[in-house]
Amino acid sequence: MIDIVAEMFSYAFLVRAVVVGLLVSLCAALLGVSLVLKRYSMIGDGLSHVGFGSLAIATAMNAAPLIVSIPVVVLTAFLLLRVSENSKIKGDAAIALISTSSMAIGVVTISLTTGMNTDVCNYMFGSILAMSRSDVSLSIALAVMVMTLFVLFYNKIFAVTFDENFARATGVNVGLYNMLIAFLTAITIVLGMRMMGAMLISSLITFPALTSMRVCKKFRTVTICSGFISVICFFVGVVISYLYATPTGASVVIMNIMAFLLFWAINSIAKIIKRRKNA
C-alpha cells in the first residue's frame, strides 16, 4: 500500500488532484451536515448543473473556467435561497427549473462550439486530469477560505441549522447566515465539480453527513465524523481509480456508498443489542 501511494505521488498531476480533492471533500462534508439537516441537500445538485452550464460557456469564450463559474454559481445560490423563502415556487421546484435549464444551455453551447467530445464527459463525470496549476492555486486558497469561515461562524451556522425561529429571536441575522451557507456551498461545488463532475459532486455533500448520522447524534460529532469519512473515502477512491483505471468521481462515490452501508450495519447491530439488553 505504501509503495502504491509513493508511486502515485511521483506524478505531479496526481499530487495536485489529491491535495485539492481532500480540501474540497472536507469543505463539502462540513457544509453537508447543515444542508442535510435543513433539507437543502439537493441545492448541491442544482448548483452543479449551473456550474456545468457556466463551464461550458467559459470554454466557448476561451476564458478561465473557475473565474467565470464561481460568480455565476454564487449568484444562483443566492437566487435559489431567495426564491425558496419568498416565492410561490417551492425550493425543490426552483432547483429543478434552474438546474435543467442550465444543463440544457451547457449542452447546446458545447455542441455548437467544441462539439460533443470527451470534454463533455469530463464535465459530467469529472476528470483527475482537469486541474491545471492555476486551478490548484485558486482552489486551495478558496478551500482554505471556506473552512476558515465555517470555523469562525460555526456557532451561528449551528443555530440557524437547528431552529431558525429561535435563532432569530436571540438576535441572530438568520438571512445573513443562510446566505453564508449558500455562498460557501457554491464555492465548494465549483471547486469539486472539475474532479467529481456535475452529476456526482453533490454526493460529497450528502453521503458523509448521512453516513455519520447513522452512528453519531450530536452536531459537533456528526460534523467531525463526516469530515473524516469524506477525506478517507476520497483518498481510497483515488487509489482505486489509479490501480484499476476507473473514473475518479465514480470511485469516490462507491467508497462513500460502502461507508454508508458499513455505518448503517453498525447502527442496526447496536439497536439489536440494545433491544436484547432491555428485553
C-alpha atoms as a PDB file:
ATOM      1  CA  MET A   1       0.000   0.000   0.000  1.00  0.00           C
ATOM      2  CA  ILE A   2       2.804   2.407   0.895  1.00  0.00           C
ATOM      3  CA  ASP A   3       4.582   1.590  -2.374  1.00  0.00           C
ATOM      4  CA  ILE A   4       1.407   2.306  -4.338  1.00  0.00           C
ATOM      5  CA  VAL A   5       0.894   5.681  -2.633  1.00  0.00           C
ATOM      6  CA  ALA A   6       4.563   6.589  -3.193  1.00  0.00           C
ATOM      7  CA  GLU A   7       4.213   5.693  -6.870  1.00  0.00           C
ATOM      8  CA  MET A   8       1.056   7.800  -7.152  1.00  0.00           C
ATOM      9  CA  PHE A   9       2.711  10.829  -5.592  1.00  0.00           C
ATOM     10  CA  SER A  10       5.542  10.636  -8.100  1.00  0.00           C
ATOM     11  CA  TYR A  11       3.116  12.144 -10.630  1.00  0.00           C
ATOM     12  CA  ALA A  12       2.649  15.884 -10.213  1.00  0.00           C
ATOM     13  CA  PHE A  13      -0.902  15.911 -11.596  1.00  0.00           C
ATOM     14  CA  LEU A  14      -1.973  13.283  -9.042  1.00  0.00           C
ATOM     15  CA  VAL A  15      -0.464  15.266  -6.189  1.00  0.00           C
ATOM     16  CA  ARG A  16      -2.398  18.348  -7.308  1.00  0.00           C
ATOM     17  CA  ALA A  17      -5.607  16.343  -7.656  1.00  0.00           C
ATOM     18  CA  VAL A  18      -5.274  14.689  -4.246  1.00  0.00           C
ATOM     19  CA  VAL A  19      -4.491  17.949  -2.423  1.00  0.00           C
ATOM     20  CA  VAL A  20      -7.421  19.808  -3.962  1.00  0.00           C
ATOM     21  CA  GLY A  21      -9.725  16.788  -3.658  1.00  0.00           C
ATOM     22  CA  LEU A  22      -9.023  16.318   0.046  1.00  0.00           C
ATOM     23  CA  LEU A  23      -9.657  20.001   0.755  1.00  0.00           C
ATOM     24  CA  VAL A  24     -12.874  20.058  -1.280  1.00  0.00           C
ATOM     25  CA  SER A  25     -14.068  16.803   0.321  1.00  0.00           C
ATOM     26  CA  LEU A  26     -13.537  18.288   3.772  1.00  0.00           C
ATOM     27  CA  CYS A  27     -15.368  21.510   2.844  1.00  0.00           C
ATOM     28  CA  ALA A  28     -18.280  19.562   1.353  1.00  0.00           C
ATOM     29  CA  ALA A  29     -18.559  17.333   4.416  1.00  0.00           C
ATOM     30  CA  LEU A  30     -18.586  20.259   6.848  1.00  0.00           C
ATOM     31  CA  LEU A  31     -21.307  22.081   4.903  1.00  0.00           C
ATOM     32  CA  GLY A  32     -23.199  18.899   4.121  1.00  0.00           C
ATOM     33  CA  VAL A  33     -24.312  18.385   7.718  1.00  0.00           C
ATOM     34  CA  SER A  34     -26.110  21.749   7.773  1.00  0.00           C
ATOM     35  CA  LEU A  35     -27.535  21.286   4.279  1.00  0.00           C
ATOM     36  CA  VAL A  36     -28.899  17.813   5.034  1.00  0.00           C
ATOM     37  CA  LEU A  37     -30.446  18.904   8.352  1.00  0.00           C
ATOM     38  CA  LYS A  38     -32.013  21.973   6.706  1.00  0.00           C
ATOM     39  CA  ARG A  39     -33.217  19.765   3.828  1.00  0.00           C
ATOM     40  CA  TYR A  40     -31.221  21.820   1.346  1.00  0.00           C
ATOM     41  CA  SER A  41     -29.058  18.911   0.201  1.00  0.00           C
ATOM     42  CA  MET A  42     -30.465  18.978  -3.353  1.00  0.00           C
ATOM     43  CA  ILE A  43     -29.164  22.521  -3.772  1.00  0.00           C
ATOM     44  CA  GLY A  44     -25.769  20.924  -4.420  1.00  0.00           C
ATOM     45  CA  ASP A  45     -27.169  19.009  -7.378  1.00  0.00           C
ATOM     46  CA  GLY A  46     -28.825  22.130  -8.767  1.00  0.00           C
ATOM     47  CA  LEU A  47     -25.704  24.272  -8.384  1.00  0.00           C
ATOM     48  CA  SER A  48     -23.544  21.615 -10.048  1.00  0.00           C
ATOM     49  CA  HIS A  49     -25.760  21.789 -13.144  1.00  0.00           C
ATOM     50  CA  VAL A  50     -25.417  25.554 -13.132  1.00  0.00           C
ATOM     51  CA  GLY A  51     -21.666  25.055 -12.828  1.00  0.00           C
ATOM     52  CA  PHE A  52     -21.753  22.771 -15.876  1.00  0.00           C
ATOM     53  CA  GLY A  53     -23.517  25.447 -17.909  1.00  0.00           C
ATOM     54  CA  SER A  54     -21.100  28.167 -16.824  1.00  0.00           C
ATOM     55  CA  LEU A  55     -18.070  25.941 -17.510  1.00  0.00           C
ATOM     56  CA  ALA A  56     -19.395  25.261 -20.993  1.00  0.00           C
ATOM     57  CA  ILE A  57     -19.817  28.983 -21.658  1.00  0.00           C
ATOM     58  CA  ALA A  58     -16.339  29.710 -20.260  1.00  0.00           C
ATOM     59  CA  THR A  59     -14.863  27.075 -22.582  1.00  0.00           C
ATOM     60  CA  ALA A  60     -16.655  28.599 -25.563  1.00  0.00           C
ATOM     61  CA  MET A  61     -15.290  32.043 -24.633  1.00  0.00           C
ATOM     62  CA  ASN A  62     -11.752  30.678 -24.035  1.00  0.00           C
ATOM     63  CA  ALA A  63     -11.977  32.125 -20.522  1.00  0.00           C
ATOM     64  CA  ALA A  64     -10.692  30.723 -17.214  1.00  0.00           C
ATOM     65  CA  PRO A  65     -13.390  28.205 -16.111  1.00  0.00           C
ATOM     66  CA  LEU A  66     -13.196  28.860 -12.369  1.00  0.00           C
ATOM     67  CA  ILE A  67     -13.183  32.644 -12.716  1.00  0.00           C
ATOM     68  CA  VAL A  68     -16.357  32.519 -14.820  1.00  0.00           C
ATOM     69  CA  SER A  69     -18.134  29.747 -12.902  1.00  0.00           C
ATOM     70  CA  ILE A  70     -17.666  30.937  -9.321  1.00  0.00           C
ATOM     71  CA  PRO A  71     -19.598  34.243  -9.535  1.00  0.00           C
ATOM     72  CA  VAL A  72     -22.346  32.635 -11.649  1.00  0.00           C
ATOM     73  CA  VAL A  73     -22.874  29.740  -9.212  1.00  0.00           C
ATOM     74  CA  VAL A  74     -22.689  32.031  -6.151  1.00  0.00           C
ATOM     75  CA  LEU A  75     -25.359  34.342  -7.598  1.00  0.00           C
ATOM     76  CA  THR A  76     -27.503  31.313  -8.435  1.00  0.00           C
ATOM     77  CA  ALA A  77     -27.173  30.034  -4.854  1.00  0.00           C
ATOM     78  CA  PHE A  78     -28.420  33.391  -3.532  1.00  0.00           C
ATOM     79  CA  LEU A  79     -31.259  33.325  -6.078  1.00  0.00           C
ATOM     80  CA  LEU A  80     -32.343  29.819  -5.042  1.00  0.00           C
ATOM     81  CA  LEU A  81     -32.264  30.813  -1.392  1.00  0.00           C
ATOM     82  CA  ARG A  82     -34.357  33.903  -2.028  1.00  0.00           C
ATOM     83  CA  VAL A  83     -36.830  32.048  -4.249  1.00  0.00           C
ATOM     84  CA  SER A  84     -37.339  29.253  -1.700  1.00  0.00           C
ATOM     85  CA  GLU A  85     -38.006  31.792   1.065  1.00  0.00           C
ATOM     86  CA  ASN A  86     -40.140  34.400  -0.663  1.00  0.00           C
ATOM     87  CA  SER A  87     -41.632  32.925  -3.813  1.00  0.00           C
ATOM     88  CA  LYS A  88     -44.667  30.840  -4.619  1.00  0.00           C
ATOM     89  CA  ILE A  89     -42.266  28.446  -6.354  1.00  0.00           C
ATOM     90  CA  LYS A  90     -41.110  25.904  -3.780  1.00  0.00           C
ATOM     91  CA  GLY A  91     -37.420  25.209  -3.261  1.00  0.00           C
ATOM     92  CA  ASP A  92     -37.308  21.802  -4.978  1.00  0.00           C
ATOM     93  CA  ALA A  93     -39.241  23.129  -7.985  1.00  0.00           C
ATOM     94  CA  ALA A  94     -36.924  26.151  -8.245  1.00  0.00           C
ATOM     95  CA  ILE A  95     -33.858  23.885  -8.137  1.00  0.00           C
ATOM     96  CA  ALA A  96     -35.313  21.642 -10.865  1.00  0.00           C
ATOM     97  CA  LEU A  97     -36.190  24.654 -13.020  1.00  0.00           C
ATOM     98  CA  ILE A  98     -32.758  26.282 -12.803  1.00  0.00           C
ATOM     99  CA  SER A  99     -30.685  23.085 -12.930  1.00  0.00           C
ATOM    100  CA  THR A 100     -32.348  21.621 -16.036  1.00  0.00           C
ATOM    101  CA  SER A 101     -32.223  24.990 -17.814  1.00  0.00           C
ATOM    102  CA  SER A 102     -28.506  25.359 -17.037  1.00  0.00           C
ATOM    103  CA  MET A 103     -27.756  21.818 -18.176  1.00  0.00           C
ATOM    104  CA  ALA A 104     -29.581  22.393 -21.458  1.00  0.00           C
ATOM    105  CA  ILE A 105     -27.734  25.678 -22.070  1.00  0.00           C
ATOM    106  CA  GLY A 106     -24.411  23.975 -21.341  1.00  0.00           C
ATOM    107  CA  VAL A 107     -25.037  21.056 -23.686  1.00  0.00           C
ATOM    108  CA  VAL A 108     -26.191  23.337 -26.528  1.00  0.00           C
ATOM    109  CA  THR A 109     -23.228  25.668 -26.028  1.00  0.00           C
ATOM    110  CA  ILE A 110     -20.721  22.809 -26.180  1.00  0.00           C
ATOM    111  CA  SER A 111     -22.390  21.194 -29.189  1.00  0.00           C
ATOM    112  CA  LEU A 112     -22.250  24.496 -31.121  1.00  0.00           C
ATOM    113  CA  THR A 113     -18.611  25.227 -30.244  1.00  0.00           C
ATOM    114  CA  THR A 114     -16.228  22.397 -29.374  1.00  0.00           C
ATOM    115  CA  GLY A 115     -18.687  19.636 -30.223  1.00  0.00           C
ATOM    116  CA  MET A 116     -19.834  16.699 -28.094  1.00  0.00           C
ATOM    117  CA  ASN A 117     -16.357  15.361 -27.379  1.00  0.00           C
ATOM    118  CA  THR A 118     -14.578  13.911 -24.342  1.00  0.00           C
ATOM    119  CA  ASP A 119     -14.679  17.327 -22.608  1.00  0.00           C
ATOM    120  CA  VAL A 120     -18.406  16.827 -22.077  1.00  0.00           C
ATOM    121  CA  CYS A 121     -17.763  13.518 -20.303  1.00  0.00           C
ATOM    122  CA  ASN A 122     -15.121  15.217 -18.146  1.00  0.00           C
ATOM    123  CA  TYR A 123     -17.562  17.967 -17.149  1.00  0.00           C
ATOM    124  CA  MET A 124     -20.365  15.494 -16.461  1.00  0.00           C
ATOM    125  CA  PHE A 125     -18.433  12.830 -14.549  1.00  0.00           C
ATOM    126  CA  GLY A 126     -15.150  14.526 -13.666  1.00  0.00           C
ATOM    127  CA  SER A 127     -11.538  14.006 -14.610  1.00  0.00           C
ATOM    128  CA  ILE A 128      -8.479  13.839 -12.401  1.00  0.00           C
ATOM    129  CA  LEU A 129      -6.529  15.451 -15.253  1.00  0.00           C
ATOM    130  CA  ALA A 130      -8.740  18.554 -15.226  1.00  0.00           C
ATOM    131  CA  MET A 131      -6.768  20.510 -12.611  1.00  0.00           C
ATOM    132  CA  SER A 132      -4.175  22.927 -14.008  1.00  0.00           C
ATOM    133  CA  ARG A 133      -1.592  24.586 -11.766  1.00  0.00           C
ATOM    134  CA  SER A 134      -3.515  27.869 -11.748  1.00  0.00           C
ATOM    135  CA  ASP A 135      -6.705  25.967 -10.864  1.00  0.00           C
ATOM    136  CA  VAL A 136      -4.907  24.282  -7.985  1.00  0.00           C
ATOM    137  CA  SER A 137      -3.624  27.545  -6.507  1.00  0.00           C
ATOM    138  CA  LEU A 138      -7.043  29.186  -6.699  1.00  0.00           C
ATOM    139  CA  SER A 139      -8.781  26.063  -5.392  1.00  0.00           C
ATOM    140  CA  ILE A 140      -6.508  25.766  -2.356  1.00  0.00           C
ATOM    141  CA  ALA A 141      -6.974  29.441  -1.481  1.00  0.00           C
ATOM    142  CA  LEU A 142     -10.763  29.231  -1.788  1.00  0.00           C
ATOM    143  CA  ALA A 143     -10.985  25.925   0.106  1.00  0.00           C
ATOM    144  CA  VAL A 144      -8.982  27.375   2.993  1.00  0.00           C
ATOM    145  CA  MET A 145     -11.302  30.401   2.961  1.00  0.00           C
ATOM    146  CA  VAL A 146     -14.393  28.157   3.105  1.00  0.00           C
ATOM    147  CA  MET A 147     -13.057  26.163   6.068  1.00  0.00           C
ATOM    148  CA  THR A 148     -11.935  29.322   7.886  1.00  0.00           C
ATOM    149  CA  LEU A 149     -15.332  30.990   7.530  1.00  0.00           C
ATOM    150  CA  PHE A 150     -17.098  27.799   8.628  1.00  0.00           C
ATOM    151  CA  VAL A 151     -14.978  27.562  11.786  1.00  0.00           C
ATOM    152  CA  LEU A 152     -15.312  31.283  12.585  1.00  0.00           C
ATOM    153  CA  PHE A 153     -19.105  31.240  12.264  1.00  0.00           C
ATOM    154  CA  TYR A 154     -19.672  27.673  13.480  1.00  0.00           C
ATOM    155  CA  ASN A 155     -21.949  28.681  16.381  1.00  0.00           C
ATOM    156  CA  LYS A 156     -24.156  30.854  14.152  1.00  0.00           C
ATOM    157  CA  ILE A 157     -24.366  28.160  11.484  1.00  0.00           C
ATOM    158  CA  PHE A 158     -25.315  25.657  14.194  1.00  0.00           C
ATOM    159  CA  ALA A 159     -28.064  28.000  15.429  1.00  0.00           C
ATOM    160  CA  VAL A 160     -29.681  28.595  12.027  1.00  0.00           C
ATOM    161  CA  THR A 161     -29.396  24.904  11.158  1.00  0.00           C
ATOM    162  CA  PHE A 162     -31.464  23.630  14.082  1.00  0.00           C
ATOM    163  CA  ASP A 163     -34.012  26.357  14.801  1.00  0.00           C
ATOM    164  CA  GLU A 164     -34.221  29.487  12.661  1.00  0.00           C
ATOM    165  CA  ASN A 165     -37.060  30.967  14.690  1.00  0.00           C
ATOM    166  CA  PHE A 166     -35.181  30.623  17.974  1.00  0.00           C
ATOM    167  CA  ALA A 167     -32.005  31.954  16.386  1.00  0.00           C
ATOM    168  CA  ARG A 168     -33.921  34.952  15.050  1.00  0.00           C
ATOM    169  CA  ALA A 169     -35.443  35.571  18.476  1.00  0.00           C
ATOM    170  CA  THR A 170     -31.975  35.637  20.057  1.00  0.00           C
ATOM    171  CA  GLY A 171     -30.823  38.317  17.615  1.00  0.00           C
ATOM    172  CA  VAL A 172     -29.044  36.184  15.016  1.00  0.00           C
ATOM    173  CA  ASN A 173     -29.278  37.535  11.465  1.00  0.00           C
ATOM    174  CA  VAL A 174     -30.723  34.325  10.003  1.00  0.00           C
ATOM    175  CA  GLY A 175     -30.853  35.637   6.440  1.00  0.00           C
ATOM    176  CA  LEU A 176     -27.175  36.593   6.507  1.00  0.00           C
ATOM    177  CA  TYR A 177     -26.004  33.193   7.756  1.00  0.00           C
ATOM    178  CA  ASN A 178     -28.241  31.320   5.332  1.00  0.00           C
ATOM    179  CA  MET A 179     -26.585  33.365   2.595  1.00  0.00           C
ATOM    180  CA  LEU A 180     -23.178  32.477   4.052  1.00  0.00           C
ATOM    181  CA  ILE A 181     -24.031  28.755   3.891  1.00  0.00           C
ATOM    182  CA  ALA A 182     -25.242  29.186   0.297  1.00  0.00           C
ATOM    183  CA  PHE A 183     -22.069  31.124  -0.610  1.00  0.00           C
ATOM    184  CA  LEU A 184     -19.736  28.507   0.888  1.00  0.00           C
ATOM    185  CA  THR A 185     -21.695  25.700  -0.769  1.00  0.00           C
ATOM    186  CA  ALA A 186     -21.471  27.389  -4.173  1.00  0.00           C
ATOM    187  CA  ILE A 187     -17.705  27.796  -3.869  1.00  0.00           C
ATOM    188  CA  THR A 188     -17.282  24.159  -2.825  1.00  0.00           C
ATOM    189  CA  ILE A 189     -19.455  22.873  -5.669  1.00  0.00           C
ATOM    190  CA  VAL A 190     -17.463  24.760  -8.309  1.00  0.00           C
ATOM    191  CA  LEU A 191     -14.133  23.619  -6.892  1.00  0.00           C
ATOM    192  CA  GLY A 192     -15.180  19.979  -6.712  1.00  0.00           C
ATOM    193  CA  MET A 193     -17.060  19.514  -9.960  1.00  0.00           C
ATOM    194  CA  ARG A 194     -13.943  19.710 -12.141  1.00  0.00           C
ATOM    195  CA  MET A 195     -12.819  16.488 -10.487  1.00  0.00           C
ATOM    196  CA  MET A 196     -16.112  14.833  -9.497  1.00  0.00           C
ATOM    197  CA  GLY A 197     -18.267  16.075 -12.372  1.00  0.00           C
ATOM    198  CA  ALA A 198     -21.635  17.811 -12.431  1.00  0.00           C
ATOM    199  CA  MET A 199     -23.512  14.531 -11.944  1.00  0.00           C
ATOM    200  CA  LEU A 200     -21.545  13.317  -8.903  1.00  0.00           C
ATOM    201  CA  ILE A 201     -20.347  16.343  -6.909  1.00  0.00           C
ATOM    202  CA  SER A 202     -23.498  16.510  -4.761  1.00  0.00           C
ATOM    203  CA  SER A 203     -22.565  13.080  -3.351  1.00  0.00           C
ATOM    204  CA  LEU A 204     -19.682  14.731  -1.453  1.00  0.00           C
ATOM    205  CA  ILE A 205     -22.271  16.836   0.372  1.00  0.00           C
ATOM    206  CA  THR A 206     -24.906  14.237   1.171  1.00  0.00           C
ATOM    207  CA  PHE A 207     -23.130  10.905   1.731  1.00  0.00           C
ATOM    208  CA  PRO A 208     -20.654  11.788   4.532  1.00  0.00           C
ATOM    209  CA  ALA A 209     -23.345  13.619   6.516  1.00  0.00           C
ATOM    210  CA  LEU A 210     -25.888  10.810   6.171  1.00  0.00           C
ATOM    211  CA  THR A 211     -23.229   8.207   6.960  1.00  0.00           C
ATOM    212  CA  SER A 212     -22.033   9.867  10.162  1.00  0.00           C
ATOM    213  CA  MET A 213     -25.640  10.392  11.300  1.00  0.00           C
ATOM    214  CA  ARG A 214     -26.088   6.595  11.415  1.00  0.00           C
ATOM    215  CA  VAL A 215     -23.810   6.467  14.463  1.00  0.00           C
ATOM    216  CA  CYS A 216     -23.250   9.998  15.816  1.00  0.00           C
ATOM    217  CA  LYS A 217     -26.067  12.062  17.321  1.00  0.00           C
ATOM    218  CA  LYS A 218     -24.559  15.448  18.250  1.00  0.00           C
ATOM    219  CA  PHE A 219     -23.994  18.178  15.669  1.00  0.00           C
ATOM    220  CA  ARG A 220     -20.310  18.589  16.522  1.00  0.00           C
ATOM    221  CA  THR A 221     -19.516  14.875  16.467  1.00  0.00           C
ATOM    222  CA  VAL A 222     -21.523  14.393  13.258  1.00  0.00           C
ATOM    223  CA  THR A 223     -19.560  17.232  11.634  1.00  0.00           C
ATOM    224  CA  ILE A 224     -16.167  15.885  12.724  1.00  0.00           C
ATOM    225  CA  CYS A 225     -17.030  12.301  11.774  1.00  0.00           C
ATOM    226  CA  SER A 226     -18.387  13.487   8.423  1.00  0.00           C
ATOM    227  CA  GLY A 227     -15.105  15.237   7.677  1.00  0.00           C
ATOM    228  CA  PHE A 228     -13.052  12.121   8.443  1.00  0.00           C
ATOM    229  CA  ILE A 229     -15.335   9.892   6.365  1.00  0.00           C
ATOM    230  CA  SER A 230     -15.226  12.235   3.385  1.00  0.00           C
ATOM    231  CA  VAL A 231     -11.434  12.568   3.406  1.00  0.00           C
ATOM    232  CA  ILE A 232     -10.844   8.815   3.806  1.00  0.00           C
ATOM    233  CA  CYS A 233     -13.375   7.883   1.104  1.00  0.00           C
ATOM    234  CA  PHE A 234     -11.867  10.378  -1.319  1.00  0.00           C
ATOM    235  CA  PHE A 235      -8.305   9.158  -0.787  1.00  0.00           C
ATOM    236  CA  VAL A 236      -9.236   5.469  -1.054  1.00  0.00           C
ATOM    237  CA  GLY A 237     -11.334   6.262  -4.137  1.00  0.00           C
ATOM    238  CA  VAL A 238      -8.364   7.961  -5.820  1.00  0.00           C
ATOM    239  CA  VAL A 239      -6.104   4.993  -5.027  1.00  0.00           C
ATOM    240  CA  ILE A 240      -8.651   2.563  -6.502  1.00  0.00           C
ATOM    241  CA  SER A 241      -9.039   4.817  -9.540  1.00  0.00           C
ATOM    242  CA  TYR A 242      -5.267   4.751 -10.022  1.00  0.00           C
ATOM    243  CA  LEU A 243      -4.963   0.982  -9.607  1.00  0.00           C
ATOM    244  CA  TYR A 244      -7.886  -0.069 -11.797  1.00  0.00           C
ATOM    245  CA  ALA A 245      -8.141   2.910 -14.202  1.00  0.00           C
ATOM    246  CA  THR A 246     -11.719   3.652 -13.107  1.00  0.00           C
ATOM    247  CA  PRO A 247     -13.271   7.154 -13.208  1.00  0.00           C
ATOM    248  CA  THR A 248     -12.188   9.106 -10.137  1.00  0.00           C
ATOM    249  CA  GLY A 249     -15.571  10.605  -9.286  1.00  0.00           C
ATOM    250  CA  ALA A 250     -17.409   7.294  -9.551  1.00  0.00           C
ATOM    251  CA  SER A 251     -14.746   5.521  -7.465  1.00  0.00           C
ATOM    252  CA  VAL A 252     -15.097   8.098  -4.686  1.00  0.00           C
ATOM    253  CA  VAL A 253     -18.888   7.765  -4.717  1.00  0.00           C
ATOM    254  CA  ILE A 254     -18.657   3.957  -4.469  1.00  0.00           C
ATOM    255  CA  MET A 255     -16.372   4.326  -1.426  1.00  0.00           C
ATOM    256  CA  ASN A 256     -18.966   6.633   0.141  1.00  0.00           C
ATOM    257  CA  ILE A 257     -21.693   4.080  -0.557  1.00  0.00           C
ATOM    258  CA  MET A 258     -19.643   1.353   1.132  1.00  0.00           C
ATOM    259  CA  ALA A 259     -19.005   3.605   4.143  1.00  0.00           C
ATOM    260  CA  PHE A 260     -22.735   4.359   4.399  1.00  0.00           C
ATOM    261  CA  LEU A 261     -23.609   0.645   4.326  1.00  0.00           C
ATOM    262  CA  LEU A 262     -20.950  -0.092   6.959  1.00  0.00           C
ATOM    263  CA  PHE A 263     -22.218   2.604   9.341  1.00  0.00           C
ATOM    264  CA  TRP A 264     -25.818   1.553   8.680  1.00  0.00           C
ATOM    265  CA  ALA A 265     -24.901  -2.038   9.633  1.00  0.00           C
ATOM    266  CA  ILE A 266     -23.125  -0.847  12.794  1.00  0.00           C
ATOM    267  CA  ASN A 267     -26.193   1.197  13.748  1.00  0.00           C
ATOM    268  CA  SER A 268     -28.533  -1.733  13.113  1.00  0.00           C
ATOM    269  CA  ILE A 269     -26.396  -4.133  15.168  1.00  0.00           C
ATOM    270  CA  ALA A 270     -26.195  -1.610  18.017  1.00  0.00           C
ATOM    271  CA  LYS A 271     -30.002  -1.281  18.038  1.00  0.00           C
ATOM    272  CA  ILE A 272     -30.447  -5.066  18.151  1.00  0.00           C
ATOM    273  CA  ILE A 273     -28.002  -5.379  21.068  1.00  0.00           C
ATOM    274  CA  LYS A 274     -29.764  -2.562  22.916  1.00  0.00           C
ATOM    275  CA  ARG A 275     -33.185  -4.223  22.462  1.00  0.00           C
ATOM    276  CA  ARG A 276     -31.873  -7.541  23.777  1.00  0.00           C
ATOM    277  CA  LYS A 277     -30.403  -5.848  26.844  1.00  0.00           C
ATOM    278  CA  ASN A 278     -33.704  -4.086  27.566  1.00  0.00           C
ATOM    279  CA  ALA A 279     -35.765  -7.238  26.982  1.00  0.00           C
END
